Amino acid sequence: MIGIVVTIPAPQVVTGNHPEKEGVFIKKLLCISIKLKYLMGTKKKHSASTIAAKIPIPKGLSDAQKVQKGLWGLGFYQGALDGELNSYQTHAALRKFYSSYELDGSEVLEQGLKKQLIALGELFLYDRALIAKLHTPEAQIKQLQTALKIHGYYHDVIDGLMGKQTRKAIISYKKANLLDESQYLDLDSKYHLVKNAKIKNEKSIDLILAKIKQEQEPYIDKQLLLHSER
């Protein structure tokens, strides 16, 4: 912890009829107190954000990076999303994954299981976009695009831009839900869209994990899961 030392001048003894000097001294103390609170609050906020920092997500993930993201979402991988499936960290994560789900596996991924982890990686990315802090217009549009994609209305790249495909997806969603056909969503409609997308995404993750545990099917099509409740 870094301490903050503030030197406060010793108060001058005020005698006689000098209330104005007393007032000046009190004002100085108040200013110092306000500055201390500001500095302490800024330091605390910075520390909290550092502790809560998550693994950085590069744009346009490859399938190998999505595998790592899937393992990361399950709590087995803590390294960078570098796409190196032959790295020690990725192999260690795979061993933990196999052990946790009682699978017979090696450090070389079986194709069906690899596709499952790719699907999980994408779903965990969706989850991240849905719960992200919406401090910028880009983050707000990404959340909207992700929710529309989960519901099957948006099929383009999640780029945070309000383009033609995003507006088209909004219109399709509103038409399917008997809303007006404008290109914009009010706050209430967006809230329900995102809320239902979160529920649907979590169910898709649970279904994939259940199938992995059961080992009944080598691969579940993520898009089929996302569209199954439409």
C-alpha atoms as a PDB file:
ATOM      1  CA  MET A   1       0.000   0.000   0.000  1.00  0.00           C
ATOM      2  CA  ILE A   2       1.328   3.466  -0.880  1.00  0.00           C
ATOM      3  CA  GLY A   3       0.734   6.051   1.833  1.00  0.00           C
ATOM      4  CA  ILE A   4       0.009   9.680   1.143  1.00  0.00           C
ATOM      5  CA  VAL A   5       1.758  12.160   3.406  1.00  0.00           C
ATOM      6  CA  VAL A   6       0.296  15.620   3.682  1.00  0.00           C
ATOM      7  CA  THR A   7       2.017  18.286   5.695  1.00  0.00           C
ATOM      8  CA  ILE A   8      -0.485  20.494   7.468  1.00  0.00           C
ATOM      9  CA  PRO A   9       0.889  23.800   8.708  1.00  0.00           C
ATOM     10  CA  ALA A  10       0.609  24.317  12.427  1.00  0.00           C
ATOM     11  CA  PRO A  11      -2.321  26.543  13.306  1.00  0.00           C
ATOM     12  CA  GLN A  12      -1.542  30.039  14.334  1.00  0.00           C
ATOM     13  CA  VAL A  13      -2.859  31.080  17.679  1.00  0.00           C
ATOM     14  CA  VAL A  14      -5.644  33.514  17.110  1.00  0.00           C
ATOM     15  CA  THR A  15      -6.322  35.916  19.874  1.00  0.00           C
ATOM     16  CA  GLY A  16      -8.454  38.911  20.153  1.00  0.00           C
ATOM     17  CA  ASN A  17     -11.052  39.850  17.616  1.00  0.00           C
ATOM     18  CA  HIS A  18      -9.746  38.136  14.446  1.00  0.00           C
ATOM     19  CA  PRO A  19     -12.553  35.848  13.274  1.00  0.00           C
ATOM     20  CA  GLU A  20     -11.458  36.307   9.645  1.00  0.00           C
ATOM     21  CA  LYS A  21      -8.175  34.461  10.386  1.00  0.00           C
ATOM     22  CA  GLU A  22     -10.071  31.611  11.977  1.00  0.00           C
ATOM     23  CA  GLY A  23     -12.245  31.371   8.866  1.00  0.00           C
ATOM     24  CA  VAL A  24      -9.219  31.234   6.544  1.00  0.00           C
ATOM     25  CA  PHE A  25      -7.615  28.456   8.585  1.00  0.00           C
ATOM     26  CA  ILE A  26     -10.817  26.358   8.586  1.00  0.00           C
ATOM     27  CA  LYS A  27     -11.129  26.776   4.815  1.00  0.00           C
ATOM     28  CA  LYS A  28      -7.556  25.511   4.376  1.00  0.00           C
ATOM     29  CA  LEU A  29      -8.343  22.435   6.460  1.00  0.00           C
ATOM     30  CA  LEU A  30     -11.476  21.739   4.400  1.00  0.00           C
ATOM     31  CA  CYS A  31      -9.528  22.002   1.128  1.00  0.00           C
ATOM     32  CA  ILE A  32      -6.897  19.564   2.403  1.00  0.00           C
ATOM     33  CA  SER A  33      -9.629  17.159   3.525  1.00  0.00           C
ATOM     34  CA  ILE A  34     -11.347  17.257   0.111  1.00  0.00           C
ATOM     35  CA  LYS A  35      -8.043  16.642  -1.709  1.00  0.00           C
ATOM     36  CA  LEU A  36      -7.274  13.666   0.543  1.00  0.00           C
ATOM     37  CA  LYS A  37     -10.689  12.109  -0.153  1.00  0.00           C
ATOM     38  CA  TYR A  38     -10.210  12.594  -3.891  1.00  0.00           C
ATOM     39  CA  LEU A  39      -6.738  11.037  -3.886  1.00  0.00           C
ATOM     40  CA  MET A  40      -7.826   8.075  -1.751  1.00  0.00           C
ATOM     41  CA  GLY A  41     -10.909   7.478  -3.930  1.00  0.00           C
ATOM     42  CA  THR A  42      -8.832   7.599  -7.133  1.00  0.00           C
ATOM     43  CA  LYS A  43      -6.272   5.176  -5.756  1.00  0.00           C
ATOM     44  CA  LYS A  44      -8.958   2.751  -4.580  1.00  0.00           C
ATOM     45  CA  LYS A  45     -10.714   2.788  -7.941  1.00  0.00           C
ATOM     46  CA  HIS A  46      -7.467   2.096  -9.790  1.00  0.00           C
ATOM     47  CA  SER A  47      -6.607  -0.841  -7.519  1.00  0.00           C
ATOM     48  CA  ALA A  48     -10.047  -2.407  -7.925  1.00  0.00           C
ATOM     49  CA  SER A  49      -9.898  -2.213 -11.716  1.00  0.00           C
ATOM     50  CA  THR A  50      -6.434  -3.782 -11.713  1.00  0.00           C
ATOM     51  CA  ILE A  51      -7.573  -6.681  -9.550  1.00  0.00           C
ATOM     52  CA  ALA A  52     -10.647  -7.256 -11.701  1.00  0.00           C
ATOM     53  CA  ALA A  53      -8.672  -7.185 -14.984  1.00  0.00           C
ATOM     54  CA  LYS A  54      -9.481 -10.133 -17.258  1.00  0.00           C
ATOM     55  CA  ILE A  55      -7.570 -11.935 -19.948  1.00  0.00           C
ATOM     56  CA  PRO A  56      -7.338  -9.644 -23.025  1.00  0.00           C
ATOM     57  CA  ILE A  57      -9.477 -10.717 -25.972  1.00  0.00           C
ATOM     58  CA  PRO A  58      -7.925 -10.090 -29.423  1.00  0.00           C
ATOM     59  CA  LYS A  59     -10.272  -9.324 -32.301  1.00  0.00           C
ATOM     60  CA  GLY A  60     -11.037 -11.992 -34.897  1.00  0.00           C
ATOM     61  CA  LEU A  61     -10.166 -15.121 -32.924  1.00  0.00           C
ATOM     62  CA  SER A  62      -8.918 -18.204 -34.737  1.00  0.00           C
ATOM     63  CA  ASP A  63     -10.336 -21.645 -33.923  1.00  0.00           C
ATOM     64  CA  ALA A  64      -7.257 -22.390 -31.798  1.00  0.00           C
ATOM     65  CA  GLN A  65      -7.803 -19.198 -29.800  1.00  0.00           C
ATOM     66  CA  LYS A  66     -11.457 -20.119 -29.317  1.00  0.00           C
ATOM     67  CA  VAL A  67     -10.352 -23.494 -27.921  1.00  0.00           C
ATOM     68  CA  GLN A  68      -8.192 -21.626 -25.417  1.00  0.00           C
ATOM     69  CA  LYS A  69     -11.092 -19.289 -24.640  1.00  0.00           C
ATOM     70  CA  GLY A  70     -13.332 -22.310 -24.046  1.00  0.00           C
ATOM     71  CA  LEU A  71     -10.781 -23.786 -21.632  1.00  0.00           C
ATOM     72  CA  TRP A  72     -10.394 -20.367 -20.000  1.00  0.00           C
ATOM     73  CA  GLY A  73     -14.147 -20.033 -19.511  1.00  0.00           C
ATOM     74  CA  LEU A  74     -14.178 -23.415 -17.776  1.00  0.00           C
ATOM     75  CA  GLY A  75     -11.378 -22.308 -15.461  1.00  0.00           C
ATOM     76  CA  PHE A  76      -8.614 -24.554 -16.832  1.00  0.00           C
ATOM     77  CA  TYR A  77      -6.537 -22.063 -18.826  1.00  0.00           C
ATOM     78  CA  GLN A  78      -4.980 -18.825 -17.568  1.00  0.00           C
ATOM     79  CA  GLY A  79      -2.530 -17.956 -20.352  1.00  0.00           C
ATOM     80  CA  ALA A  80      -2.753 -15.551 -23.277  1.00  0.00           C
ATOM     81  CA  LEU A  81      -5.052 -16.309 -26.193  1.00  0.00           C
ATOM     82  CA  ASP A  82      -2.144 -16.877 -28.564  1.00  0.00           C
ATOM     83  CA  GLY A  83      -3.549 -19.858 -30.494  1.00  0.00           C
ATOM     84  CA  GLU A  84      -0.621 -22.089 -29.488  1.00  0.00           C
ATOM     85  CA  LEU A  85      -2.348 -25.403 -28.810  1.00  0.00           C
ATOM     86  CA  ASN A  86       1.021 -27.147 -28.414  1.00  0.00           C
ATOM     87  CA  SER A  87       2.187 -24.859 -25.610  1.00  0.00           C
ATOM     88  CA  TYR A  88       2.758 -26.186 -22.101  1.00  0.00           C
ATOM     89  CA  GLN A  89      -0.073 -24.053 -20.672  1.00  0.00           C
ATOM     90  CA  THR A  90      -2.595 -25.325 -23.228  1.00  0.00           C
ATOM     91  CA  HIS A  91      -1.546 -28.959 -22.699  1.00  0.00           C
ATOM     92  CA  ALA A  92      -1.820 -28.503 -18.939  1.00  0.00           C
ATOM     93  CA  ALA A  93      -5.301 -26.997 -19.360  1.00  0.00           C
ATOM     94  CA  LEU A  94      -6.374 -29.910 -21.560  1.00  0.00           C
ATOM     95  CA  ARG A  95      -5.165 -32.425 -18.960  1.00  0.00           C
ATOM     96  CA  LYS A  96      -7.190 -30.648 -16.277  1.00  0.00           C
ATOM     97  CA  PHE A  97     -10.202 -30.576 -18.604  1.00  0.00           C
ATOM     98  CA  TYR A  98      -9.970 -34.311 -19.330  1.00  0.00           C
ATOM     99  CA  SER A  99      -9.539 -35.119 -15.654  1.00  0.00           C
ATOM    100  CA  SER A 100     -12.429 -32.925 -14.525  1.00  0.00           C
ATOM    101  CA  TYR A 101     -14.861 -34.441 -17.030  1.00  0.00           C
ATOM    102  CA  GLU A 102     -13.421 -37.967 -16.720  1.00  0.00           C
ATOM    103  CA  LEU A 103     -12.544 -38.140 -20.408  1.00  0.00           C
ATOM    104  CA  ASP A 104     -10.021 -40.402 -22.073  1.00  0.00           C
ATOM    105  CA  GLY A 105      -7.937 -37.878 -23.946  1.00  0.00           C
ATOM    106  CA  SER A 106      -4.428 -36.985 -24.917  1.00  0.00           C
ATOM    107  CA  GLU A 107      -2.620 -33.727 -25.515  1.00  0.00           C
ATOM    108  CA  VAL A 108      -3.740 -33.946 -29.163  1.00  0.00           C
ATOM    109  CA  LEU A 109      -7.369 -32.846 -29.386  1.00  0.00           C
ATOM    110  CA  GLU A 110      -9.856 -35.228 -30.976  1.00  0.00           C
ATOM    111  CA  GLN A 111     -11.691 -33.381 -33.753  1.00  0.00           C
ATOM    112  CA  GLY A 112     -15.174 -33.663 -32.264  1.00  0.00           C
ATOM    113  CA  LEU A 113     -14.048 -32.443 -28.863  1.00  0.00           C
ATOM    114  CA  LYS A 114     -12.120 -29.614 -30.495  1.00  0.00           C
ATOM    115  CA  LYS A 115     -15.305 -28.411 -32.176  1.00  0.00           C
ATOM    116  CA  GLN A 116     -17.080 -28.530 -28.823  1.00  0.00           C
ATOM    117  CA  LEU A 117     -14.415 -26.329 -27.248  1.00  0.00           C
ATOM    118  CA  ILE A 118     -14.548 -23.935 -30.216  1.00  0.00           C
ATOM    119  CA  ALA A 119     -18.310 -23.637 -29.716  1.00  0.00           C
ATOM    120  CA  LEU A 120     -17.817 -23.049 -25.993  1.00  0.00           C
ATOM    121  CA  GLY A 121     -15.190 -20.406 -26.746  1.00  0.00           C
ATOM    122  CA  GLU A 122     -17.663 -18.512 -28.924  1.00  0.00           C
ATOM    123  CA  LEU A 123     -20.409 -18.803 -26.319  1.00  0.00           C
ATOM    124  CA  PHE A 124     -18.095 -17.498 -23.595  1.00  0.00           C
ATOM    125  CA  LEU A 125     -17.224 -14.564 -25.864  1.00  0.00           C
ATOM    126  CA  TYR A 126     -20.941 -13.874 -26.262  1.00  0.00           C
ATOM    127  CA  ASP A 127     -21.348 -14.013 -22.500  1.00  0.00           C
ATOM    128  CA  ARG A 128     -18.536 -11.499 -22.041  1.00  0.00           C
ATOM    129  CA  ALA A 129     -20.148  -9.073 -24.511  1.00  0.00           C
ATOM    130  CA  LEU A 130     -23.554  -9.397 -22.831  1.00  0.00           C
ATOM    131  CA  ILE A 131     -22.282  -8.551 -19.346  1.00  0.00           C
ATOM    132  CA  ALA A 132     -19.653  -5.962 -20.343  1.00  0.00           C
ATOM    133  CA  LYS A 133     -19.729  -2.465 -18.890  1.00  0.00           C
ATOM    134  CA  LEU A 134     -21.425  -0.184 -21.407  1.00  0.00           C
ATOM    135  CA  HIS A 135     -19.210   2.882 -21.085  1.00  0.00           C
ATOM    136  CA  THR A 136     -18.977   3.501 -24.840  1.00  0.00           C
ATOM    137  CA  PRO A 137     -21.384   3.432 -27.804  1.00  0.00           C
ATOM    138  CA  GLU A 138     -19.251   0.641 -29.305  1.00  0.00           C
ATOM    139  CA  ALA A 139     -19.775  -1.576 -26.241  1.00  0.00           C
ATOM    140  CA  GLN A 140     -23.520  -0.887 -26.320  1.00  0.00           C
ATOM    141  CA  ILE A 141     -23.788  -1.853 -29.997  1.00  0.00           C
ATOM    142  CA  LYS A 142     -21.658  -4.974 -29.454  1.00  0.00           C
ATOM    143  CA  GLN A 143     -24.018  -6.062 -26.703  1.00  0.00           C
ATOM    144  CA  LEU A 144     -26.980  -5.467 -29.006  1.00  0.00           C
ATOM    145  CA  GLN A 145     -25.346  -7.339 -31.915  1.00  0.00           C
ATOM    146  CA  THR A 146     -24.465 -10.262 -29.649  1.00  0.00           C
ATOM    147  CA  ALA A 147     -27.998 -10.541 -28.313  1.00  0.00           C
ATOM    148  CA  LEU A 148     -29.432 -10.408 -31.844  1.00  0.00           C
ATOM    149  CA  LYS A 149     -26.925 -13.055 -32.998  1.00  0.00           C
ATOM    150  CA  ILE A 150     -27.870 -15.399 -30.146  1.00  0.00           C
ATOM    151  CA  HIS A 151     -31.527 -15.045 -31.108  1.00  0.00           C
ATOM    152  CA  GLY A 152     -30.672 -15.748 -34.747  1.00  0.00           C
ATOM    153  CA  TYR A 153     -31.335 -12.334 -36.301  1.00  0.00           C
ATOM    154  CA  TYR A 154     -27.803 -11.039 -36.796  1.00  0.00           C
ATOM    155  CA  HIS A 155     -25.309 -12.990 -38.914  1.00  0.00           C
ATOM    156  CA  ASP A 156     -22.475 -10.514 -39.445  1.00  0.00           C
ATOM    157  CA  VAL A 157     -19.328  -9.667 -37.479  1.00  0.00           C
ATOM    158  CA  ILE A 158     -19.743  -8.237 -33.968  1.00  0.00           C
ATOM    159  CA  ASP A 159     -17.880  -4.984 -34.606  1.00  0.00           C
ATOM    160  CA  GLY A 160     -19.706  -2.394 -32.509  1.00  0.00           C
ATOM    161  CA  LEU A 161     -20.864  -0.452 -35.567  1.00  0.00           C
ATOM    162  CA  MET A 162     -24.499   0.377 -36.265  1.00  0.00           C
ATOM    163  CA  GLY A 163     -24.387  -0.737 -39.887  1.00  0.00           C
ATOM    164  CA  LYS A 164     -26.941  -1.957 -42.405  1.00  0.00           C
ATOM    165  CA  GLN A 165     -26.945  -5.562 -41.155  1.00  0.00           C
ATOM    166  CA  THR A 166     -27.432  -4.483 -37.542  1.00  0.00           C
ATOM    167  CA  ARG A 167     -30.411  -2.298 -38.461  1.00  0.00           C
ATOM    168  CA  LYS A 168     -31.848  -5.101 -40.562  1.00  0.00           C
ATOM    169  CA  ALA A 169     -31.521  -7.501 -37.619  1.00  0.00           C
ATOM    170  CA  ILE A 170     -33.288  -5.043 -35.310  1.00  0.00           C
ATOM    171  CA  ILE A 171     -36.191  -4.716 -37.744  1.00  0.00           C
ATOM    172  CA  SER A 172     -36.462  -8.513 -38.090  1.00  0.00           C
ATOM    173  CA  TYR A 173     -36.427  -8.982 -34.322  1.00  0.00           C
ATOM    174  CA  LYS A 174     -39.079  -6.314 -33.747  1.00  0.00           C
ATOM    175  CA  LYS A 175     -41.275  -7.701 -36.509  1.00  0.00           C
ATOM    176  CA  ALA A 176     -41.058 -11.235 -35.080  1.00  0.00           C
ATOM    177  CA  ASN A 177     -42.009  -9.911 -31.634  1.00  0.00           C
ATOM    178  CA  LEU A 178     -44.891  -7.761 -32.911  1.00  0.00           C
ATOM    179  CA  LEU A 179     -43.124  -4.479 -32.186  1.00  0.00           C
ATOM    180  CA  ASP A 180     -42.967  -1.422 -34.439  1.00  0.00           C
ATOM    181  CA  GLU A 181     -40.682  -1.831 -37.451  1.00  0.00           C
ATOM    182  CA  SER A 182     -38.326   1.079 -36.783  1.00  0.00           C
ATOM    183  CA  GLN A 183     -34.545   0.628 -36.766  1.00  0.00           C
ATOM    184  CA  TYR A 184     -34.209   1.431 -33.073  1.00  0.00           C
ATOM    185  CA  LEU A 185     -34.971  -0.341 -29.793  1.00  0.00           C
ATOM    186  CA  ASP A 186     -36.291   1.470 -26.736  1.00  0.00           C
ATOM    187  CA  LEU A 187     -34.707   0.726 -23.370  1.00  0.00           C
ATOM    188  CA  ASP A 188     -37.412  -1.713 -22.270  1.00  0.00           C
ATOM    189  CA  SER A 189     -37.251  -3.757 -25.485  1.00  0.00           C
ATOM    190  CA  LYS A 190     -33.458  -3.865 -25.380  1.00  0.00           C
ATOM    191  CA  TYR A 191     -33.506  -4.961 -21.738  1.00  0.00           C
ATOM    192  CA  HIS A 192     -35.720  -7.950 -22.529  1.00  0.00           C
ATOM    193  CA  LEU A 193     -33.706  -8.803 -25.654  1.00  0.00           C
ATOM    194  CA  VAL A 194     -30.423  -8.910 -23.713  1.00  0.00           C
ATOM    195  CA  LYS A 195     -31.947 -10.648 -20.692  1.00  0.00           C
ATOM    196  CA  ASN A 196     -33.384 -13.472 -22.816  1.00  0.00           C
ATOM    197  CA  ALA A 197     -30.123 -13.729 -24.780  1.00  0.00           C
ATOM    198  CA  LYS A 198     -28.195 -14.277 -21.531  1.00  0.00           C
ATOM    199  CA  ILE A 199     -30.576 -17.056 -20.503  1.00  0.00           C
ATOM    200  CA  LYS A 200     -30.369 -18.696 -23.920  1.00  0.00           C
ATOM    201  CA  ASN A 201     -26.579 -18.465 -24.025  1.00  0.00           C
ATOM    202  CA  GLU A 202     -26.221 -20.023 -20.576  1.00  0.00           C
ATOM    203  CA  LYS A 203     -28.523 -22.881 -21.590  1.00  0.00           C
ATOM    204  CA  SER A 204     -26.435 -23.495 -24.695  1.00  0.00           C
ATOM    205  CA  ILE A 205     -23.265 -23.680 -22.577  1.00  0.00           C
ATOM    206  CA  ASP A 206     -24.932 -26.073 -20.130  1.00  0.00           C
ATOM    207  CA  LEU A 207     -26.159 -28.308 -22.958  1.00  0.00           C
ATOM    208  CA  ILE A 208     -22.704 -28.618 -24.498  1.00  0.00           C
ATOM    209  CA  LEU A 209     -21.138 -29.404 -21.123  1.00  0.00           C
ATOM    210  CA  ALA A 210     -23.831 -31.999 -20.397  1.00  0.00           C
ATOM    211  CA  LYS A 211     -23.153 -33.718 -23.717  1.00  0.00           C
ATOM    212  CA  ILE A 212     -19.410 -33.698 -23.085  1.00  0.00           C
ATOM    213  CA  LYS A 213     -19.999 -35.388 -19.736  1.00  0.00           C
ATOM    214  CA  GLN A 214     -22.330 -37.964 -21.237  1.00  0.00           C
ATOM    215  CA  GLU A 215     -20.057 -38.616 -24.231  1.00  0.00           C
ATOM    216  CA  GLN A 216     -23.139 -39.518 -26.263  1.00  0.00           C
ATOM    217  CA  GLU A 217     -22.470 -37.238 -29.208  1.00  0.00           C
ATOM    218  CA  PRO A 218     -19.072 -36.102 -30.497  1.00  0.00           C
ATOM    219  CA  TYR A 219     -20.269 -32.640 -31.476  1.00  0.00           C
ATOM    220  CA  ILE A 220     -23.201 -30.302 -30.945  1.00  0.00           C
ATOM    221  CA  ASP A 221     -23.872 -27.650 -33.516  1.00  0.00           C
ATOM    222  CA  LYS A 222     -23.824 -24.342 -31.605  1.00  0.00           C
ATOM    223  CA  GLN A 223     -26.149 -22.682 -34.092  1.00  0.00           C
ATOM    224  CA  LEU A 224     -28.723 -25.432 -33.646  1.00  0.00           C
ATOM    225  CA  LEU A 225     -28.646 -24.786 -29.917  1.00  0.00           C
ATOM    226  CA  LEU A 226     -29.071 -21.060 -30.316  1.00  0.00           C
ATOM    227  CA  HIS A 227     -31.995 -21.494 -32.719  1.00  0.00           C
ATOM    228  CA  SER A 228     -33.652 -24.409 -30.909  1.00  0.00           C
ATOM    229  CA  GLU A 229     -35.962 -22.177 -28.873  1.00  0.00           C
ATOM    230  CA  ARG A 230     -37.034 -19.843 -31.642  1.00  0.00           C
END
